[in-house]
Amino acid sequence: AAEVDDWTLSLRQWHYQLWGQGTQVTVS
């Protein structure tokens, strides 16, 4: 995810406007 014009470091998802489609990680 990306907030393209704000340097604020955040682990809160609502901080970000852009999102990718995702990639699956599976650990057995």
mmCIF file of all heavy atoms, coordinates in Angstrom:
data_MODEL
# 
_entry.id   MODEL 
# 
loop_
_atom_site.group_PDB 
_atom_site.id 
_atom_site.type_symbol 
_atom_site.label_atom_id 
_atom_site.label_alt_id 
_atom_site.label_comp_id 
_atom_site.label_asym_id 
_atom_site.label_entity_id 
_atom_site.label_seq_id 
_atom_site.pdbx_PDB_ins_code 
_atom_site.Cartn_x 
_atom_site.Cartn_y 
_atom_site.Cartn_z 
_atom_site.occupancy 
_atom_site.B_iso_or_equiv 
_atom_site.pdbx_formal_charge 
_atom_site.auth_seq_id 
_atom_site.auth_comp_id 
_atom_site.auth_asym_id 
_atom_site.auth_atom_id 
_atom_site.pdbx_PDB_model_num 
ATOM 1   N N   . ALA A 1 1  ? 0.833  -1.185  0.000  1.00 0.00 ? 1  ALA A N   1 
ATOM 2   C CA  . ALA A 1 1  ? 0.000  0.000   0.000  1.00 0.00 ? 1  ALA A CA  1 
ATOM 3   C C   . ALA A 1 1  ? 0.873  1.243   0.000  1.00 0.00 ? 1  ALA A C   1 
ATOM 4   O O   . ALA A 1 1  ? 2.005  1.210   0.470  1.00 0.00 ? 1  ALA A O   1 
ATOM 5   C CB  . ALA A 1 1  ? -0.917 0.002   1.231  1.00 0.00 ? 1  ALA A CB  1 
ATOM 6   N N   . ALA A 1 2  ? 0.328  2.334   -0.516 1.00 0.00 ? 2  ALA A N   1 
ATOM 7   C CA  . ALA A 1 2  ? 1.102  3.561   -0.605 1.00 0.00 ? 2  ALA A CA  1 
ATOM 8   C C   . ALA A 1 2  ? 0.266  4.802   -0.344 1.00 0.00 ? 2  ALA A C   1 
ATOM 9   O O   . ALA A 1 2  ? -0.897 4.881   -0.742 1.00 0.00 ? 2  ALA A O   1 
ATOM 10  C CB  . ALA A 1 2  ? 1.753  3.676   -1.976 1.00 0.00 ? 2  ALA A CB  1 
ATOM 11  N N   . GLU A 1 3  ? 0.858  5.731   0.365  1.00 0.00 ? 3  GLU A N   1 
ATOM 12  C CA  . GLU A 1 3  ? 0.373  7.094   0.468  1.00 0.00 ? 3  GLU A CA  1 
ATOM 13  C C   . GLU A 1 3  ? 1.426  7.908   -0.262 1.00 0.00 ? 3  GLU A C   1 
ATOM 14  O O   . GLU A 1 3  ? 2.545  8.049   0.225  1.00 0.00 ? 3  GLU A O   1 
ATOM 15  C CB  . GLU A 1 3  ? 0.240  7.529   1.925  1.00 0.00 ? 3  GLU A CB  1 
ATOM 16  C CG  . GLU A 1 3  ? 0.100  9.043   2.122  1.00 0.00 ? 3  GLU A CG  1 
ATOM 17  C CD  . GLU A 1 3  ? -0.997 9.645   1.275  1.00 0.00 ? 3  GLU A CD  1 
ATOM 18  O OE1 . GLU A 1 3  ? -2.162 9.223   1.419  1.00 0.00 ? 3  GLU A OE1 1 
ATOM 19  O OE2 . GLU A 1 3  ? -0.682 10.533  0.463  1.00 0.00 ? 3  GLU A OE2 1 
ATOM 20  N N   . VAL A 1 4  ? 1.080  8.412   -1.434 1.00 0.00 ? 4  VAL A N   1 
ATOM 21  C CA  . VAL A 1 4  ? 2.082  8.956   -2.339 1.00 0.00 ? 4  VAL A CA  1 
ATOM 22  C C   . VAL A 1 4  ? 2.576  10.348  -1.976 1.00 0.00 ? 4  VAL A C   1 
ATOM 23  O O   . VAL A 1 4  ? 3.597  10.789  -2.505 1.00 0.00 ? 4  VAL A O   1 
ATOM 24  C CB  . VAL A 1 4  ? 1.562  8.970   -3.787 1.00 0.00 ? 4  VAL A CB  1 
ATOM 25  C CG1 . VAL A 1 4  ? 1.239  7.555   -4.230 1.00 0.00 ? 4  VAL A CG1 1 
ATOM 26  C CG2 . VAL A 1 4  ? 0.334  9.876   -3.914 1.00 0.00 ? 4  VAL A CG2 1 
ATOM 27  N N   . ASP A 1 5  ? 1.903  11.040  -1.076 1.00 0.00 ? 5  ASP A N   1 
ATOM 28  C CA  . ASP A 1 5  ? 2.287  12.413  -0.771 1.00 0.00 ? 5  ASP A CA  1 
ATOM 29  C C   . ASP A 1 5  ? 2.206  12.731  0.714  1.00 0.00 ? 5  ASP A C   1 
ATOM 30  O O   . ASP A 1 5  ? 1.790  13.811  1.110  1.00 0.00 ? 5  ASP A O   1 
ATOM 31  C CB  . ASP A 1 5  ? 1.422  13.393  -1.577 1.00 0.00 ? 5  ASP A CB  1 
ATOM 32  C CG  . ASP A 1 5  ? 2.024  14.783  -1.654 1.00 0.00 ? 5  ASP A CG  1 
ATOM 33  O OD1 . ASP A 1 5  ? 3.254  14.916  -1.509 1.00 0.00 ? 5  ASP A OD1 1 
ATOM 34  O OD2 . ASP A 1 5  ? 1.259  15.745  -1.867 1.00 0.00 ? 5  ASP A OD2 1 
ATOM 35  N N   . ASP A 1 6  ? 2.622  11.786  1.541  1.00 0.00 ? 6  ASP A N   1 
ATOM 36  C CA  . ASP A 1 6  ? 2.646  11.980  2.991  1.00 0.00 ? 6  ASP A CA  1 
ATOM 37  C C   . ASP A 1 6  ? 3.702  11.053  3.574  1.00 0.00 ? 6  ASP A C   1 
ATOM 38  O O   . ASP A 1 6  ? 3.598  9.829   3.419  1.00 0.00 ? 6  ASP A O   1 
ATOM 39  C CB  . ASP A 1 6  ? 1.269  11.679  3.598  1.00 0.00 ? 6  ASP A CB  1 
ATOM 40  C CG  . ASP A 1 6  ? 1.185  12.041  5.068  1.00 0.00 ? 6  ASP A CG  1 
ATOM 41  O OD1 . ASP A 1 6  ? 2.222  12.251  5.708  1.00 0.00 ? 6  ASP A OD1 1 
ATOM 42  O OD2 . ASP A 1 6  ? 0.049  12.109  5.598  1.00 0.00 ? 6  ASP A OD2 1 
ATOM 43  N N   . TRP A 1 7  ? 4.685  11.607  4.241  1.00 0.00 ? 7  TRP A N   1 
ATOM 44  C CA  . TRP A 1 7  ? 5.799  10.824  4.768  1.00 0.00 ? 7  TRP A CA  1 
ATOM 45  C C   . TRP A 1 7  ? 5.491  10.111  6.074  1.00 0.00 ? 7  TRP A C   1 
ATOM 46  O O   . TRP A 1 7  ? 6.299  9.324   6.551  1.00 0.00 ? 7  TRP A O   1 
ATOM 47  C CB  . TRP A 1 7  ? 7.028  11.721  4.969  1.00 0.00 ? 7  TRP A CB  1 
ATOM 48  C CG  . TRP A 1 7  ? 6.797  12.857  5.932  1.00 0.00 ? 7  TRP A CG  1 
ATOM 49  C CD1 . TRP A 1 7  ? 6.436  14.130  5.619  1.00 0.00 ? 7  TRP A CD1 1 
ATOM 50  C CD2 . TRP A 1 7  ? 6.911  12.804  7.353  1.00 0.00 ? 7  TRP A CD2 1 
ATOM 51  N NE1 . TRP A 1 7  ? 6.324  14.884  6.770  1.00 0.00 ? 7  TRP A NE1 1 
ATOM 52  C CE2 . TRP A 1 7  ? 6.607  14.094  7.846  1.00 0.00 ? 7  TRP A CE2 1 
ATOM 53  C CE3 . TRP A 1 7  ? 7.251  11.799  8.267  1.00 0.00 ? 7  TRP A CE3 1 
ATOM 54  C CZ2 . TRP A 1 7  ? 6.623  14.402  9.210  1.00 0.00 ? 7  TRP A CZ2 1 
ATOM 55  C CZ3 . TRP A 1 7  ? 7.261  12.104  9.624  1.00 0.00 ? 7  TRP A CZ3 1 
ATOM 56  C CH2 . TRP A 1 7  ? 6.951  13.389  10.077 1.00 0.00 ? 7  TRP A CH2 1 
ATOM 57  N N   . THR A 1 8  ? 4.347  10.402  6.671  1.00 0.00 ? 8  THR A N   1 
ATOM 58  C CA  . THR A 1 8  ? 4.002  9.827   7.968  1.00 0.00 ? 8  THR A CA  1 
ATOM 59  C C   . THR A 1 8  ? 4.089  8.308   7.953  1.00 0.00 ? 8  THR A C   1 
ATOM 60  O O   . THR A 1 8  ? 3.463  7.641   7.124  1.00 0.00 ? 8  THR A O   1 
ATOM 61  C CB  . THR A 1 8  ? 2.590  10.257  8.388  1.00 0.00 ? 8  THR A CB  1 
ATOM 62  O OG1 . THR A 1 8  ? 2.503  11.679  8.403  1.00 0.00 ? 8  THR A OG1 1 
ATOM 63  C CG2 . THR A 1 8  ? 2.269  9.718   9.779  1.00 0.00 ? 8  THR A CG2 1 
ATOM 64  N N   . LEU A 1 9  ? 4.869  7.766   8.866  1.00 0.00 ? 9  LEU A N   1 
ATOM 65  C CA  . LEU A 1 9  ? 5.021  6.318   8.991  1.00 0.00 ? 9  LEU A CA  1 
ATOM 66  C C   . LEU A 1 9  ? 3.802  5.764   9.708  1.00 0.00 ? 9  LEU A C   1 
ATOM 67  O O   . LEU A 1 9  ? 3.433  6.235   10.784 1.00 0.00 ? 9  LEU A O   1 
ATOM 68  C CB  . LEU A 1 9  ? 6.294  6.007   9.775  1.00 0.00 ? 9  LEU A CB  1 
ATOM 69  C CG  . LEU A 1 9  ? 6.834  4.583   9.754  1.00 0.00 ? 9  LEU A CG  1 
ATOM 70  C CD1 . LEU A 1 9  ? 7.293  4.225   8.345  1.00 0.00 ? 9  LEU A CD1 1 
ATOM 71  C CD2 . LEU A 1 9  ? 7.982  4.455   10.746 1.00 0.00 ? 9  LEU A CD2 1 
ATOM 72  N N   . SER A 1 10 ? 3.170  4.765   9.103  1.00 0.00 ? 10 SER A N   1 
ATOM 73  C CA  . SER A 1 10 ? 1.926  4.276   9.681  1.00 0.00 ? 10 SER A CA  1 
ATOM 74  C C   . SER A 1 10 ? 1.701  2.797   9.407  1.00 0.00 ? 10 SER A C   1 
ATOM 75  O O   . SER A 1 10 ? 1.958  2.302   8.305  1.00 0.00 ? 10 SER A O   1 
ATOM 76  C CB  . SER A 1 10 ? 0.739  5.072   9.142  1.00 0.00 ? 10 SER A CB  1 
ATOM 77  O OG  . SER A 1 10 ? -0.478 4.592   9.670  1.00 0.00 ? 10 SER A OG  1 
ATOM 78  N N   . LEU A 1 11 ? 1.210  2.098   10.421 1.00 0.00 ? 11 LEU A N   1 
ATOM 79  C CA  . LEU A 1 11 ? 0.776  0.713   10.285 1.00 0.00 ? 11 LEU A CA  1 
ATOM 80  C C   . LEU A 1 11 ? -0.751 0.627   10.252 1.00 0.00 ? 11 LEU A C   1 
ATOM 81  O O   . LEU A 1 11 ? -1.311 -0.459  10.386 1.00 0.00 ? 11 LEU A O   1 
ATOM 82  C CB  . LEU A 1 11 ? 1.316  -0.135  11.436 1.00 0.00 ? 11 LEU A CB  1 
ATOM 83  C CG  . LEU A 1 11 ? 2.829  -0.391  11.447 1.00 0.00 ? 11 LEU A CG  1 
ATOM 84  C CD1 . LEU A 1 11 ? 3.227  -1.167  12.694 1.00 0.00 ? 11 LEU A CD1 1 
ATOM 85  C CD2 . LEU A 1 11 ? 3.256  -1.150  10.195 1.00 0.00 ? 11 LEU A CD2 1 
ATOM 86  N N   . ARG A 1 12 ? -1.395 1.752   10.060 1.00 0.00 ? 12 ARG A N   1 
ATOM 87  C CA  . ARG A 1 12 ? -2.850 1.803   10.001 1.00 0.00 ? 12 ARG A CA  1 
ATOM 88  C C   . ARG A 1 12 ? -3.298 1.827   8.547  1.00 0.00 ? 12 ARG A C   1 
ATOM 89  O O   . ARG A 1 12 ? -2.891 2.698   7.784  1.00 0.00 ? 12 ARG A O   1 
ATOM 90  C CB  . ARG A 1 12 ? -3.371 3.028   10.745 1.00 0.00 ? 12 ARG A CB  1 
ATOM 91  C CG  . ARG A 1 12 ? -2.963 3.040   12.216 1.00 0.00 ? 12 ARG A CG  1 
ATOM 92  C CD  . ARG A 1 12 ? -3.216 4.375   12.866 1.00 0.00 ? 12 ARG A CD  1 
ATOM 93  N NE  . ARG A 1 12 ? -2.786 4.384   14.260 1.00 0.00 ? 12 ARG A NE  1 
ATOM 94  C CZ  . ARG A 1 12 ? -2.760 5.451   15.034 1.00 0.00 ? 12 ARG A CZ  1 
ATOM 95  N NH1 . ARG A 1 12 ? -3.162 6.628   14.552 1.00 0.00 ? 12 ARG A NH1 1 
ATOM 96  N NH2 . ARG A 1 12 ? -2.336 5.353   16.284 1.00 0.00 ? 12 ARG A NH2 1 
ATOM 97  N N   . GLN A 1 13 ? -4.143 0.889   8.167  1.00 0.00 ? 13 GLN A N   1 
ATOM 98  C CA  . GLN A 1 13 ? -4.474 0.741   6.764  1.00 0.00 ? 13 GLN A CA  1 
ATOM 99  C C   . GLN A 1 13 ? -5.196 1.941   6.156  1.00 0.00 ? 13 GLN A C   1 
ATOM 100 O O   . GLN A 1 13 ? -5.064 2.191   4.957  1.00 0.00 ? 13 GLN A O   1 
ATOM 101 C CB  . GLN A 1 13 ? -5.298 -0.533  6.530  1.00 0.00 ? 13 GLN A CB  1 
ATOM 102 C CG  . GLN A 1 13 ? -6.618 -0.591  7.240  1.00 0.00 ? 13 GLN A CG  1 
ATOM 103 C CD  . GLN A 1 13 ? -7.338 -1.894  6.937  1.00 0.00 ? 13 GLN A CD  1 
ATOM 104 O OE1 . GLN A 1 13 ? -7.380 -2.334  5.787  1.00 0.00 ? 13 GLN A OE1 1 
ATOM 105 N NE2 . GLN A 1 13 ? -7.899 -2.511  7.967  1.00 0.00 ? 13 GLN A NE2 1 
ATOM 106 N N   . TRP A 1 14 ? -5.925 2.701   6.972  1.00 0.00 ? 14 TRP A N   1 
ATOM 107 C CA  . TRP A 1 14 ? -6.663 3.838   6.435  1.00 0.00 ? 14 TRP A CA  1 
ATOM 108 C C   . TRP A 1 14 ? -5.751 5.001   6.061  1.00 0.00 ? 14 TRP A C   1 
ATOM 109 O O   . TRP A 1 14 ? -6.214 5.975   5.472  1.00 0.00 ? 14 TRP A O   1 
ATOM 110 C CB  . TRP A 1 14 ? -7.748 4.302   7.414  1.00 0.00 ? 14 TRP A CB  1 
ATOM 111 C CG  . TRP A 1 14 ? -7.260 4.616   8.792  1.00 0.00 ? 14 TRP A CG  1 
ATOM 112 C CD1 . TRP A 1 14 ? -6.693 5.772   9.228  1.00 0.00 ? 14 TRP A CD1 1 
ATOM 113 C CD2 . TRP A 1 14 ? -7.327 3.749   9.935  1.00 0.00 ? 14 TRP A CD2 1 
ATOM 114 N NE1 . TRP A 1 14 ? -6.396 5.689   10.567 1.00 0.00 ? 14 TRP A NE1 1 
ATOM 115 C CE2 . TRP A 1 14 ? -6.777 4.451   11.028 1.00 0.00 ? 14 TRP A CE2 1 
ATOM 116 C CE3 . TRP A 1 14 ? -7.805 2.447   10.134 1.00 0.00 ? 14 TRP A CE3 1 
ATOM 117 C CZ2 . TRP A 1 14 ? -6.681 3.892   12.299 1.00 0.00 ? 14 TRP A CZ2 1 
ATOM 118 C CZ3 . TRP A 1 14 ? -7.708 1.892   11.404 1.00 0.00 ? 14 TRP A CZ3 1 
ATOM 119 C CH2 . TRP A 1 14 ? -7.153 2.612   12.468 1.00 0.00 ? 14 TRP A CH2 1 
ATOM 120 N N   . HIS A 1 15 ? -4.488 4.891   6.390  1.00 0.00 ? 15 HIS A N   1 
ATOM 121 C CA  . HIS A 1 15 ? -3.504 5.900   6.015  1.00 0.00 ? 15 HIS A CA  1 
ATOM 122 C C   . HIS A 1 15 ? -3.203 5.853   4.509  1.00 0.00 ? 15 HIS A C   1 
ATOM 123 O O   . HIS A 1 15 ? -2.780 6.849   3.934  1.00 0.00 ? 15 HIS A O   1 
ATOM 124 C CB  . HIS A 1 15 ? -2.218 5.685   6.812  1.00 0.00 ? 15 HIS A CB  1 
ATOM 125 C CG  . HIS A 1 15 ? -1.059 6.526   6.379  1.00 0.00 ? 15 HIS A CG  1 
ATOM 126 N ND1 . HIS A 1 15 ? -0.970 7.884   6.636  1.00 0.00 ? 15 HIS A ND1 1 
ATOM 127 C CD2 . HIS A 1 15 ? 0.074  6.207   5.695  1.00 0.00 ? 15 HIS A CD2 1 
ATOM 128 C CE1 . HIS A 1 15 ? 0.165  8.357   6.150  1.00 0.00 ? 15 HIS A CE1 1 
ATOM 129 N NE2 . HIS A 1 15 ? 0.818  7.356   5.573  1.00 0.00 ? 15 HIS A NE2 1 
ATOM 130 N N   . TYR A 1 16 ? -3.441 4.721   3.900  1.00 0.00 ? 16 TYR A N   1 
ATOM 131 C CA  . TYR A 1 16 ? -3.011 4.491   2.532  1.00 0.00 ? 16 TYR A CA  1 
ATOM 132 C C   . TYR A 1 16 ? -4.161 4.546   1.532  1.00 0.00 ? 16 TYR A C   1 
ATOM 133 O O   . TYR A 1 16 ? -5.236 3.986   1.768  1.00 0.00 ? 16 TYR A O   1 
ATOM 134 C CB  . TYR A 1 16 ? -2.302 3.139   2.428  1.00 0.00 ? 16 TYR A CB  1 
ATOM 135 C CG  . TYR A 1 16 ? -1.121 3.027   3.354  1.00 0.00 ? 16 TYR A CG  1 
ATOM 136 C CD1 . TYR A 1 16 ? -1.244 2.432   4.608  1.00 0.00 ? 16 TYR A CD1 1 
ATOM 137 C CD2 . TYR A 1 16 ? 0.116  3.533   2.985  1.00 0.00 ? 16 TYR A CD2 1 
ATOM 138 C CE1 . TYR A 1 16 ? -0.164 2.343   5.466  1.00 0.00 ? 16 TYR A CE1 1 
ATOM 139 C CE2 . TYR A 1 16 ? 1.204  3.453   3.841  1.00 0.00 ? 16 TYR A CE2 1 
ATOM 140 C CZ  . TYR A 1 16 ? 1.064  2.857   5.079  1.00 0.00 ? 16 TYR A CZ  1 
ATOM 141 O OH  . TYR A 1 16 ? 2.145  2.769   5.934  1.00 0.00 ? 16 TYR A OH  1 
ATOM 142 N N   . GLN A 1 17 ? -3.912 5.188   0.419  1.00 0.00 ? 17 GLN A N   1 
ATOM 143 C CA  . GLN A 1 17 ? -4.919 5.317   -0.630 1.00 0.00 ? 17 GLN A CA  1 
ATOM 144 C C   . GLN A 1 17 ? -4.763 4.284   -1.743 1.00 0.00 ? 17 GLN A C   1 
ATOM 145 O O   . GLN A 1 17 ? -5.750 3.840   -2.322 1.00 0.00 ? 17 GLN A O   1 
ATOM 146 C CB  . GLN A 1 17 ? -4.872 6.716   -1.263 1.00 0.00 ? 17 GLN A CB  1 
ATOM 147 C CG  . GLN A 1 17 ? -5.426 7.829   -0.392 1.00 0.00 ? 17 GLN A CG  1 
ATOM 148 C CD  . GLN A 1 17 ? -4.414 8.311   0.634  1.00 0.00 ? 17 GLN A CD  1 
ATOM 149 O OE1 . GLN A 1 17 ? -3.207 8.199   0.438  1.00 0.00 ? 17 GLN A OE1 1 
ATOM 150 N NE2 . GLN A 1 17 ? -4.911 8.855   1.736  1.00 0.00 ? 17 GLN A NE2 1 
ATOM 151 N N   . LEU A 1 18 ? -3.523 3.909   -2.043 1.00 0.00 ? 18 LEU A N   1 
ATOM 152 C CA  . LEU A 1 18 ? -3.256 2.982   -3.132 1.00 0.00 ? 18 LEU A CA  1 
ATOM 153 C C   . LEU A 1 18 ? -2.962 1.596   -2.601 1.00 0.00 ? 18 LEU A C   1 
ATOM 154 O O   . LEU A 1 18 ? -2.231 1.434   -1.627 1.00 0.00 ? 18 LEU A O   1 
ATOM 155 C CB  . LEU A 1 18 ? -2.078 3.472   -3.976 1.00 0.00 ? 18 LEU A CB  1 
ATOM 156 C CG  . LEU A 1 18 ? -2.232 4.803   -4.692 1.00 0.00 ? 18 LEU A CG  1 
ATOM 157 C CD1 . LEU A 1 18 ? -0.939 5.154   -5.417 1.00 0.00 ? 18 LEU A CD1 1 
ATOM 158 C CD2 . LEU A 1 18 ? -3.390 4.747   -5.683 1.00 0.00 ? 18 LEU A CD2 1 
ATOM 159 N N   . TRP A 1 19 ? -3.515 0.598   -3.277 1.00 0.00 ? 19 TRP A N   1 
ATOM 160 C CA  . TRP A 1 19 ? -3.322 -0.793  -2.877 1.00 0.00 ? 19 TRP A CA  1 
ATOM 161 C C   . TRP A 1 19 ? -3.061 -1.662  -4.089 1.00 0.00 ? 19 TRP A C   1 
ATOM 162 O O   . TRP A 1 19 ? -3.628 -1.445  -5.154 1.00 0.00 ? 19 TRP A O   1 
ATOM 163 C CB  . TRP A 1 19 ? -4.555 -1.316  -2.141 1.00 0.00 ? 19 TRP A CB  1 
ATOM 164 C CG  . TRP A 1 19 ? -4.763 -0.675  -0.815 1.00 0.00 ? 19 TRP A CG  1 
ATOM 165 C CD1 . TRP A 1 19 ? -5.367 0.521   -0.564 1.00 0.00 ? 19 TRP A CD1 1 
ATOM 166 C CD2 . TRP A 1 19 ? -4.357 -1.188  0.455  1.00 0.00 ? 19 TRP A CD2 1 
ATOM 167 N NE1 . TRP A 1 19 ? -5.354 0.787   0.786  1.00 0.00 ? 19 TRP A NE1 1 
ATOM 168 C CE2 . TRP A 1 19 ? -4.746 -0.249  1.437  1.00 0.00 ? 19 TRP A CE2 1 
ATOM 169 C CE3 . TRP A 1 19 ? -3.712 -2.357  0.864  1.00 0.00 ? 19 TRP A CE3 1 
ATOM 170 C CZ2 . TRP A 1 19 ? -4.501 -0.445  2.794  1.00 0.00 ? 19 TRP A CZ2 1 
ATOM 171 C CZ3 . TRP A 1 19 ? -3.465 -2.552  2.212  1.00 0.00 ? 19 TRP A CZ3 1 
ATOM 172 C CH2 . TRP A 1 19 ? -3.859 -1.600  3.158  1.00 0.00 ? 19 TRP A CH2 1 
ATOM 173 N N   . GLY A 1 20 ? -2.191 -2.643  -3.909 1.00 0.00 ? 20 GLY A N   1 
ATOM 174 C CA  . GLY A 1 20 ? -1.939 -3.605  -4.959 1.00 0.00 ? 20 GLY A CA  1 
ATOM 175 C C   . GLY A 1 20 ? -2.972 -4.714  -4.932 1.00 0.00 ? 20 GLY A C   1 
ATOM 176 O O   . GLY A 1 20 ? -3.871 -4.743  -4.086 1.00 0.00 ? 20 GLY A O   1 
ATOM 177 N N   . GLN A 1 21 ? -2.837 -5.639  -5.859 1.00 0.00 ? 21 GLN A N   1 
ATOM 178 C CA  . GLN A 1 21 ? -3.808 -6.731  -5.982 1.00 0.00 ? 21 GLN A CA  1 
ATOM 179 C C   . GLN A 1 21 ? -3.538 -7.888  -5.035 1.00 0.00 ? 21 GLN A C   1 
ATOM 180 O O   . GLN A 1 21 ? -4.397 -8.741  -4.837 1.00 0.00 ? 21 GLN A O   1 
ATOM 181 C CB  . GLN A 1 21 ? -3.828 -7.248  -7.425 1.00 0.00 ? 21 GLN A CB  1 
ATOM 182 C CG  . GLN A 1 21 ? -2.685 -8.192  -7.793 1.00 0.00 ? 21 GLN A CG  1 
ATOM 183 C CD  . GLN A 1 21 ? -1.344 -7.502  -7.966 1.00 0.00 ? 21 GLN A CD  1 
ATOM 184 O OE1 . GLN A 1 21 ? -1.256 -6.266  -7.971 1.00 0.00 ? 21 GLN A OE1 1 
ATOM 185 N NE2 . GLN A 1 21 ? -0.287 -8.286  -8.110 1.00 0.00 ? 21 GLN A NE2 1 
ATOM 186 N N   . GLY A 1 22 ? -2.353 -7.929  -4.461 1.00 0.00 ? 22 GLY A N   1 
ATOM 187 C CA  . GLY A 1 22 ? -2.001 -8.966  -3.511 1.00 0.00 ? 22 GLY A CA  1 
ATOM 188 C C   . GLY A 1 22 ? -1.213 -10.110 -4.122 1.00 0.00 ? 22 GLY A C   1 
ATOM 189 O O   . GLY A 1 22 ? -1.315 -10.395 -5.309 1.00 0.00 ? 22 GLY A O   1 
ATOM 190 N N   . THR A 1 23 ? -0.414 -10.762 -3.286 1.00 0.00 ? 23 THR A N   1 
ATOM 191 C CA  . THR A 1 23 ? 0.317  -11.957 -3.686 1.00 0.00 ? 23 THR A CA  1 
ATOM 192 C C   . THR A 1 23 ? 0.234  -12.964 -2.545 1.00 0.00 ? 23 THR A C   1 
ATOM 193 O O   . THR A 1 23 ? 0.411  -12.622 -1.379 1.00 0.00 ? 23 THR A O   1 
ATOM 194 C CB  . THR A 1 23 ? 1.781  -11.625 -4.048 1.00 0.00 ? 23 THR A CB  1 
ATOM 195 O OG1 . THR A 1 23 ? 2.439  -12.800 -4.538 1.00 0.00 ? 23 THR A OG1 1 
ATOM 196 C CG2 . THR A 1 23 ? 2.552  -11.077 -2.854 1.00 0.00 ? 23 THR A CG2 1 
ATOM 197 N N   . GLN A 1 24 ? -0.063 -14.205 -2.887 1.00 0.00 ? 24 GLN A N   1 
ATOM 198 C CA  . GLN A 1 24 ? -0.324 -15.223 -1.875 1.00 0.00 ? 24 GLN A CA  1 
ATOM 199 C C   . GLN A 1 24 ? 0.962  -15.823 -1.329 1.00 0.00 ? 24 GLN A C   1 
ATOM 200 O O   . GLN A 1 24 ? 1.861  -16.199 -2.074 1.00 0.00 ? 24 GLN A O   1 
ATOM 201 C CB  . GLN A 1 24 ? -1.200 -16.335 -2.460 1.00 0.00 ? 24 GLN A CB  1 
ATOM 202 C CG  . GLN A 1 24 ? -1.524 -17.468 -1.488 1.00 0.00 ? 24 GLN A CG  1 
ATOM 203 C CD  . GLN A 1 24 ? -2.415 -17.016 -0.351 1.00 0.00 ? 24 GLN A CD  1 
ATOM 204 O OE1 . GLN A 1 24 ? -3.371 -16.267 -0.575 1.00 0.00 ? 24 GLN A OE1 1 
ATOM 205 N NE2 . GLN A 1 24 ? -2.113 -17.462 0.866  1.00 0.00 ? 24 GLN A NE2 1 
ATOM 206 N N   . VAL A 1 25 ? 1.029  -15.932 -0.007 1.00 0.00 ? 25 VAL A N   1 
ATOM 207 C CA  . VAL A 1 25 ? 2.128  -16.600 0.680  1.00 0.00 ? 25 VAL A CA  1 
ATOM 208 C C   . VAL A 1 25 ? 1.542  -17.744 1.494  1.00 0.00 ? 25 VAL A C   1 
ATOM 209 O O   . VAL A 1 25 ? 0.650  -17.535 2.315  1.00 0.00 ? 25 VAL A O   1 
ATOM 210 C CB  . VAL A 1 25 ? 2.902  -15.641 1.609  1.00 0.00 ? 25 VAL A CB  1 
ATOM 211 C CG1 . VAL A 1 25 ? 3.912  -16.410 2.461  1.00 0.00 ? 25 VAL A CG1 1 
ATOM 212 C CG2 . VAL A 1 25 ? 3.600  -14.574 0.790  1.00 0.00 ? 25 VAL A CG2 1 
ATOM 213 N N   . THR A 1 26 ? 2.044  -18.935 1.256  1.00 0.00 ? 26 THR A N   1 
ATOM 214 C CA  . THR A 1 26 ? 1.575  -20.110 1.976  1.00 0.00 ? 26 THR A CA  1 
ATOM 215 C C   . THR A 1 26 ? 2.756  -20.811 2.625  1.00 0.00 ? 26 THR A C   1 
ATOM 216 O O   . THR A 1 26 ? 3.725  -21.161 1.949  1.00 0.00 ? 26 THR A O   1 
ATOM 217 C CB  . THR A 1 26 ? 0.852  -21.089 1.036  1.00 0.00 ? 26 THR A CB  1 
ATOM 218 O OG1 . THR A 1 26 ? -0.254 -20.430 0.415  1.00 0.00 ? 26 THR A OG1 1 
ATOM 219 C CG2 . THR A 1 26 ? 0.340  -22.295 1.811  1.00 0.00 ? 26 THR A CG2 1 
ATOM 220 N N   . VAL A 1 27 ? 2.672  -21.013 3.930  1.00 0.00 ? 27 VAL A N   1 
ATOM 221 C CA  . VAL A 1 27 ? 3.739  -21.660 4.682  1.00 0.00 ? 27 VAL A CA  1 
ATOM 222 C C   . VAL A 1 27 ? 3.186  -22.935 5.300  1.00 0.00 ? 27 VAL A C   1 
ATOM 223 O O   . VAL A 1 27 ? 2.258  -22.890 6.107  1.00 0.00 ? 27 VAL A O   1 
ATOM 224 C CB  . VAL A 1 27 ? 4.305  -20.750 5.779  1.00 0.00 ? 27 VAL A CB  1 
ATOM 225 C CG1 . VAL A 1 27 ? 5.494  -21.427 6.461  1.00 0.00 ? 27 VAL A CG1 1 
ATOM 226 C CG2 . VAL A 1 27 ? 4.707  -19.408 5.198  1.00 0.00 ? 27 VAL A CG2 1 
ATOM 227 N N   . SER A 1 28 ? 3.747  -24.057 4.929  1.00 0.00 ? 28 SER A N   1 
ATOM 228 C CA  . SER A 1 28 ? 3.281  -25.347 5.419  1.00 0.00 ? 28 SER A CA  1 
ATOM 229 C C   . SER A 1 28 ? 4.199  -25.875 6.510  1.00 0.00 ? 28 SER A C   1 
ATOM 230 O O   . SER A 1 28 ? 5.386  -25.549 6.568  1.00 0.00 ? 28 SER A O   1 
ATOM 231 C CB  . SER A 1 28 ? 3.196  -26.360 4.276  1.00 0.00 ? 28 SER A CB  1 
ATOM 232 O OG  . SER A 1 28 ? 4.464  -26.563 3.673  1.00 0.00 ? 28 SER A OG  1 
# 
